[in-house]
Amino acid sequence: MKNITNCCLFCGVSKSILVEADHFDAWQCGVLAQDAMPNLTISDREFLISKVCPTCFDSMTESDEESDEESDDLDFDCDSDDGDALASAGHGTDEDYGYFGDGE
């Protein structure tokens, strides 16, 4: 067993996690953490990977969820004709620019 101690990058809390040596070595060699260390909790694996404690991780993801909810409130007019906007931005069709082929 290996005793891995990390300090949270945000709040500085220190936590030690006991990991089987061969599991830890497999993770260090590129095996996904959830495959190499299935006996650890998701929070413990995340702490090993990101060095962010569960409390700080939860507070970070809560703000992400809130911003997702705010973006859901935006009102878009999906029925508008975007052709004029694309043409004025230089992304129109050939017809918008008066090009109809080489004339051959």
Protein backbone atom coordinates (compact mmCIF):
# COMPACT_ATOMS: atom_id res chain seq x y z
CA MET A 1 0.00 0.00 0.00
CA LYS A 2 1.07 3.56 -0.70
CA ASN A 3 -0.01 6.49 1.40
CA ILE A 4 -0.47 9.41 -1.00
CA THR A 5 -0.84 12.84 0.58
CA ASN A 6 -2.07 15.82 -1.43
CA CYS A 7 -2.91 19.38 -0.50
CA CYS A 8 -5.91 21.02 -2.14
CA LEU A 9 -4.77 23.64 -4.63
CA PHE A 10 -7.61 25.95 -3.59
CA CYS A 11 -8.09 25.73 0.17
CA GLY A 12 -4.87 23.97 1.25
CA VAL A 13 -6.57 21.13 3.11
CA SER A 14 -4.35 18.06 3.30
CA LYS A 15 -5.64 14.55 2.81
CA SER A 16 -3.93 11.15 2.72
CA ILE A 17 -5.28 8.33 0.59
CA LEU A 18 -4.20 4.70 0.89
CA VAL A 19 -3.74 3.14 -2.53
CA GLU A 20 -2.50 -0.30 -3.47
CA ALA A 21 0.98 0.14 -4.92
CA ASP A 22 0.34 -1.78 -8.15
CA HIS A 23 -2.91 0.16 -8.72
CA PHE A 24 -1.12 3.49 -8.24
CA ASP A 25 1.72 2.41 -10.52
CA ALA A 26 -0.78 1.36 -13.22
CA TRP A 27 -2.41 4.79 -13.03
CA GLN A 28 0.98 6.50 -13.27
CA CYS A 29 1.70 4.42 -16.39
CA GLY A 30 -1.43 5.67 -18.14
CA VAL A 31 -4.30 3.45 -17.05
CA LEU A 32 -7.43 5.52 -16.37
CA ALA A 33 -7.85 6.22 -12.66
CA GLN A 34 -11.28 4.56 -12.51
CA ASP A 35 -9.82 1.42 -14.09
CA ALA A 36 -6.56 1.37 -12.13
CA MET A 37 -8.10 2.19 -8.73
CA PRO A 38 -11.73 1.00 -8.78
CA ASN A 39 -11.73 0.48 -5.01
CA LEU A 40 -11.31 4.22 -4.33
CA THR A 41 -14.25 6.58 -4.14
CA ILE A 42 -14.85 9.00 -6.98
CA SER A 43 -13.89 11.86 -4.64
CA ASP A 44 -10.61 10.21 -3.68
CA ARG A 45 -9.70 9.55 -7.32
CA GLU A 46 -10.55 13.14 -8.24
CA PHE A 47 -8.39 14.41 -5.39
CA LEU A 48 -5.47 12.32 -6.66
CA ILE A 49 -5.97 13.51 -10.23
CA SER A 50 -6.70 17.21 -9.78
CA LYS A 51 -5.52 17.92 -6.22
CA VAL A 52 -8.87 19.57 -5.56
CA CYS A 53 -10.66 18.49 -2.38
CA PRO A 54 -14.31 17.36 -2.57
CA THR A 55 -15.60 20.58 -0.95
CA CYS A 56 -13.80 22.84 -3.44
CA PHE A 57 -14.68 20.55 -6.36
CA ASP A 58 -18.37 20.69 -5.41
CA SER A 59 -18.29 24.47 -5.14
CA MET A 60 -16.65 24.71 -8.58
CA THR A 61 -19.19 22.42 -10.23
CA GLU A 62 -22.13 24.16 -8.54
CA SER A 63 -21.17 27.45 -10.20
CA ASP A 64 -20.90 25.63 -13.57
CA GLU A 65 -24.39 24.21 -13.13
CA GLU A 66 -25.73 27.68 -12.28
CA SER A 67 -24.18 29.20 -15.40
CA ASP A 68 -25.68 26.37 -17.50
CA GLU A 69 -29.09 27.20 -16.07
CA GLU A 70 -28.59 30.90 -16.86
CA SER A 71 -27.68 30.11 -20.48
CA ASP A 72 -30.86 28.04 -20.79
CA ASP A 73 -32.83 31.23 -20.06
CA LEU A 74 -31.52 33.04 -23.16
CA ASP A 75 -34.20 33.77 -25.74
CA PHE A 76 -33.17 32.91 -29.29
CA ASP A 77 -35.31 33.46 -32.36
CA CYS A 78 -34.74 30.16 -34.14
CA ASP A 79 -37.22 31.11 -36.88
CA SER A 80 -35.22 34.12 -38.10
CA ASP A 81 -33.66 34.15 -41.56
CA ASP A 82 -29.91 33.98 -41.10
CA GLY A 83 -29.11 34.47 -44.80
CA ASP A 84 -28.90 38.25 -44.53
CA ALA A 85 -26.65 38.02 -41.48
CA LEU A 86 -24.35 35.53 -43.20
CA ALA A 87 -24.17 37.60 -46.37
CA SER A 88 -23.32 40.77 -44.48
CA ALA A 89 -20.59 38.87 -42.63
CA GLY A 90 -19.02 37.73 -45.90
CA HIS A 91 -20.40 34.19 -45.68
CA GLY A 92 -23.13 34.46 -48.29
CA THR A 93 -23.79 32.24 -51.25
CA ASP A 94 -22.32 32.77 -54.70
CA GLU A 95 -25.61 34.35 -55.76
CA ASP A 96 -25.19 36.96 -53.02
CA TYR A 97 -21.94 38.06 -54.67
CA GLY A 98 -23.22 37.93 -58.26
CA TYR A 99 -21.08 34.93 -59.22
CA PHE A 100 -22.84 32.35 -61.32
CA GLY A 101 -19.90 30.38 -62.75
CA ASP A 102 -17.12 30.93 -65.28
CA GLY A 103 -19.58 31.52 -68.08
CA GLU A 104 -18.36 28.47 -69.97
